[in-house]
PDB file of N, CA and C in Angstrom:
ATOM      1  N   UNK A   1       0.695  -1.627  -0.285  1.00  0.00           N
ATOM      2  CA  UNK A   1      -0.089  -0.300  -0.119  1.00  0.00           C
ATOM      3  C   UNK A   1       0.852   1.044  -0.129  1.00  0.00           C
ATOM      4  N   UNK A   2       2.031   0.891  -0.505  1.00  0.00           N
ATOM      5  CA  UNK A   2       3.340   2.436  -0.331  1.00  0.00           C
ATOM      6  C   UNK A   2       1.847   3.818  -0.833  1.00  0.00           C
ATOM      7  N   UNK A   3       1.891   3.017  -2.570  1.00  0.00           N
ATOM      8  CA  UNK A   3       1.126   4.086  -3.616  1.00  0.00           C
ATOM      9  C   UNK A   3       0.137   4.820  -3.216  1.00  0.00           C
ATOM     10  N   UNK A   4      -0.658   4.012  -1.855  1.00  0.00           N
ATOM     11  CA  UNK A   4      -1.493   4.719  -1.208  1.00  0.00           C
ATOM     12  C   UNK A   4      -1.457   5.885  -0.279  1.00  0.00           C
ATOM     13  N   UNK A   5      -0.168   5.680   0.626  1.00  0.00           N
ATOM     14  CA  UNK A   5       0.881   5.980   1.281  1.00  0.00           C
ATOM     15  C   UNK A   5       1.347   7.193   0.684  1.00  0.00           C
ATOM     16  N   UNK A   6       1.912   7.417  -0.260  1.00  0.00           N
ATOM     17  CA  UNK A   6       2.282   8.781  -1.192  1.00  0.00           C
ATOM     18  C   UNK A   6       1.393   9.561  -2.214  1.00  0.00           C
ATOM     19  N   UNK A   7       0.300   8.890  -2.007  1.00  0.00           N
ATOM     20  CA  UNK A   7      -1.652  10.056  -2.450  1.00  0.00           C
ATOM     21  C   UNK A   7      -1.028  11.229  -1.604  1.00  0.00           C
ATOM     22  N   UNK A   8      -1.387  12.214  -1.892  1.00  0.00           N
ATOM     23  CA  UNK A   8      -1.507  13.513  -1.097  1.00  0.00           C
ATOM     24  C   UNK A   8      -3.353  13.666  -0.262  1.00  0.00           C
ATOM     25  N   UNK A   9      -3.568  14.513   0.615  1.00  0.00           N
ATOM     26  CA  UNK A   9      -4.693  14.561   1.633  1.00  0.00           C
ATOM     27  C   UNK A   9      -5.888  14.509   0.199  1.00  0.00           C
ATOM     28  N   UNK A  10      -5.697  15.601  -0.608  1.00  0.00           N
ATOM     29  CA  UNK A  10      -6.879  15.241  -1.624  1.00  0.00           C
ATOM     30  C   UNK A  10      -7.211  13.937  -2.643  1.00  0.00           C
ATOM     31  N   UNK A  11      -6.332  14.134  -2.943  1.00  0.00           N
ATOM     32  CA  UNK A  11      -6.050  11.840  -3.883  1.00  0.00           C
ATOM     33  C   UNK A  11      -6.636  11.005  -3.094  1.00  0.00           C
ATOM     34  N   UNK A  12      -6.381  10.944  -1.596  1.00  0.00           N
ATOM     35  CA  UNK A  12      -6.946   9.840  -1.222  1.00  0.00           C
ATOM     36  C   UNK A  12      -8.564   9.967  -0.871  1.00  0.00           C
ATOM     37  N   UNK A  13      -9.014  11.450  -0.766  1.00  0.00           N
ATOM     38  CA  UNK A  13     -10.158  11.436  -0.406  1.00  0.00           C
ATOM     39  C   UNK A  13     -11.288  10.752  -1.293  1.00  0.00           C
ATOM     40  N   UNK A  14     -10.714  11.289  -2.378  1.00  0.00           N
ATOM     41  CA  UNK A  14     -11.125  10.979  -4.236  1.00  0.00           C
ATOM     42  C   UNK A  14     -11.302   9.707  -4.078  1.00  0.00           C
ATOM     43  N   UNK A  15     -10.143   9.376  -4.100  1.00  0.00           N
ATOM     44  CA  UNK A  15      -9.863   7.674  -4.369  1.00  0.00           C
ATOM     45  C   UNK A  15     -11.030   6.808  -2.942  1.00  0.00           C
ATOM     46  N   UNK A  16     -11.307   7.454  -1.950  1.00  0.00           N
ATOM     47  CA  UNK A  16     -11.942   6.404  -1.021  1.00  0.00           C
ATOM     48  C   UNK A  16     -13.521   6.844  -2.094  1.00  0.00           C
ATOM     49  N   UNK A  17     -13.877   8.508  -2.299  1.00  0.00           N
ATOM     50  CA  UNK A  17     -15.506   8.506  -2.685  1.00  0.00           C
ATOM     51  C   UNK A  17     -15.668   7.734  -4.222  1.00  0.00           C
ATOM     52  N   UNK A  18     -14.294   7.200  -4.635  1.00  0.00           N
ATOM     53  CA  UNK A  18     -14.872   6.088  -5.750  1.00  0.00           C
ATOM     54  C   UNK A  18     -14.994   4.399  -5.110  1.00  0.00           C
ATOM     55  N   UNK A  19     -14.237   4.519  -3.950  1.00  0.00           N
ATOM     56  CA  UNK A  19     -14.603   3.444  -3.486  1.00  0.00           C
ATOM     57  C   UNK A  19     -15.847   2.787  -3.593  1.00  0.00           C
ATOM     58  N   UNK A  20     -16.297   4.490  -2.545  1.00  0.00           N
ATOM     59  CA  UNK A  20     -17.912   4.102  -1.652  1.00  0.00           C
ATOM     60  C   UNK A  20     -18.682   4.130  -2.910  1.00  0.00           C
ATOM     61  N   UNK A  21     -18.481   5.157  -4.278  1.00  0.00           N
ATOM     62  CA  UNK A  21     -19.322   5.133  -4.643  1.00  0.00           C
ATOM     63  C   UNK A  21     -19.587   3.181  -5.738  1.00  0.00           C
ATOM     64  N   UNK A  22     -17.981   2.499  -5.643  1.00  0.00           N
ATOM     65  CA  UNK A  22     -18.268   1.702  -6.136  1.00  0.00           C
ATOM     66  C   UNK A  22     -19.001   0.532  -5.630  1.00  0.00           C
ATOM     67  N   UNK A  23     -19.062   0.460  -3.740  1.00  0.00           N
ATOM     68  CA  UNK A  23     -19.620  -0.492  -2.710  1.00  0.00           C
ATOM     69  C   UNK A  23     -21.024  -0.653  -2.752  1.00  0.00           C
ATOM     70  N   UNK A  24     -21.497   0.852  -3.136  1.00  0.00           N
ATOM     71  CA  UNK A  24     -22.842   1.206  -2.911  1.00  0.00           C
ATOM     72  C   UNK A  24     -23.484   0.775  -4.051  1.00  0.00           C
ATOM     73  N   UNK A  25     -22.777   1.245  -5.409  1.00  0.00           N
ATOM     74  CA  UNK A  25     -23.369   0.414  -6.197  1.00  0.00           C
ATOM     75  C   UNK A  25     -23.264  -1.071  -6.558  1.00  0.00           C
ATOM     76  N   UNK A  26     -22.404  -1.500  -6.340  1.00  0.00           N
ATOM     77  CA  UNK A  26     -22.643  -3.184  -6.115  1.00  0.00           C
ATOM     78  C   UNK A  26     -23.302  -3.775  -5.197  1.00  0.00           C
ATOM     79  N   UNK A  27     -23.940  -3.228  -3.841  1.00  0.00           N
ATOM     80  CA  UNK A  27     -25.145  -3.336  -2.728  1.00  0.00           C
ATOM     81  C   UNK A  27     -26.400  -3.029  -3.248  1.00  0.00           C
ATOM     82  N   UNK A  28     -26.644  -1.996  -4.743  1.00  0.00           N
ATOM     83  CA  UNK A  28     -27.949  -1.444  -5.254  1.00  0.00           C
ATOM     84  C   UNK A  28     -28.063  -2.814  -5.585  1.00  0.00           C
ATOM     85  N   UNK A  29     -27.088  -3.254  -6.783  1.00  0.00           N
ATOM     86  CA  UNK A  29     -27.220  -4.174  -7.833  1.00  0.00           C
ATOM     87  C   UNK A  29     -27.951  -5.756  -6.806  1.00  0.00           C
ATOM     88  N   UNK A  30     -27.107  -6.007  -5.541  1.00  0.00           N
ATOM     89  CA  UNK A  30     -27.373  -7.058  -5.052  1.00  0.00           C
ATOM     90  C   UNK A  30     -28.733  -6.809  -5.036  1.00  0.00           C
ATOM     91  N   UNK A  31     -29.027  -5.954  -4.508  1.00  0.00           N
ATOM     92  CA  UNK A  31     -30.034  -5.553  -2.981  1.00  0.00           C
ATOM     93  C   UNK A  31     -31.385  -5.596  -4.030  1.00  0.00           C
ATOM     94  N   UNK A  32     -31.452  -4.892  -5.576  1.00  0.00           N
ATOM     95  CA  UNK A  32     -32.467  -4.713  -6.141  1.00  0.00           C
ATOM     96  C   UNK A  32     -33.296  -5.387  -6.324  1.00  0.00           C
ATOM     97  N   UNK A  33     -32.671  -6.541  -7.092  1.00  0.00           N
ATOM     98  CA  UNK A  33     -33.670  -7.817  -7.778  1.00  0.00           C
ATOM     99  C   UNK A  33     -33.874  -8.345  -6.945  1.00  0.00           C
ATOM    100  N   UNK A  34     -33.374  -8.846  -5.314  1.00  0.00           N
ATOM    101  CA  UNK A  34     -33.736  -9.175  -4.347  1.00  0.00           C
ATOM    102  C   UNK A  34     -35.153  -8.702  -3.797  1.00  0.00           C
ATOM    103  N   UNK A  35     -34.611  -7.431  -3.445  1.00  0.00           N
ATOM    104  CA  UNK A  35     -36.684  -6.698  -3.231  1.00  0.00           C
ATOM    105  C   UNK A  35     -37.521  -6.831  -4.193  1.00  0.00           C
ATOM    106  N   UNK A  36     -37.022  -6.830  -5.476  1.00  0.00           N
ATOM    107  CA  UNK A  36     -38.100  -7.169  -6.299  1.00  0.00           C
ATOM    108  C   UNK A  36     -38.632  -7.869  -6.335  1.00  0.00           C
ATOM    109  N   UNK A  37     -38.006  -9.256  -6.202  1.00  0.00           N
ATOM    110  CA  UNK A  37     -38.481 -10.787  -6.081  1.00  0.00           C
ATOM    111  C   UNK A  37     -39.407 -10.597  -4.861  1.00  0.00           C
ATOM    112  N   UNK A  38     -39.061 -10.270  -3.733  1.00  0.00           N
ATOM    113  CA  UNK A  38     -39.744 -10.058  -2.686  1.00  0.00           C
ATOM    114  C   UNK A  38     -40.903  -8.933  -2.870  1.00  0.00           C
ATOM    115  N   UNK A  39     -41.589  -8.318  -3.776  1.00  0.00           N
ATOM    116  CA  UNK A  39     -42.690  -7.272  -3.432  1.00  0.00           C
ATOM    117  C   UNK A  39     -43.140  -7.924  -4.408  1.00  0.00           C
ATOM    118  N   UNK A  40     -42.588  -8.445  -6.104  1.00  0.00           N
ATOM    119  CA  UNK A  40     -43.531  -9.137  -7.005  1.00  0.00           C
ATOM    120  C   UNK A  40     -43.979 -11.011  -6.908  1.00  0.00           C
TER     121      UNK A  40
END
């Protein structure tokens, strides 16, 4: 993780935003079909 430690604070924040967006997207992709199965 040396490359992560070399990042500036602003780069770390934008990197974390990208990670959060990816995680939230993956969760939505997994949960939405399950929700539709429960509703219909």
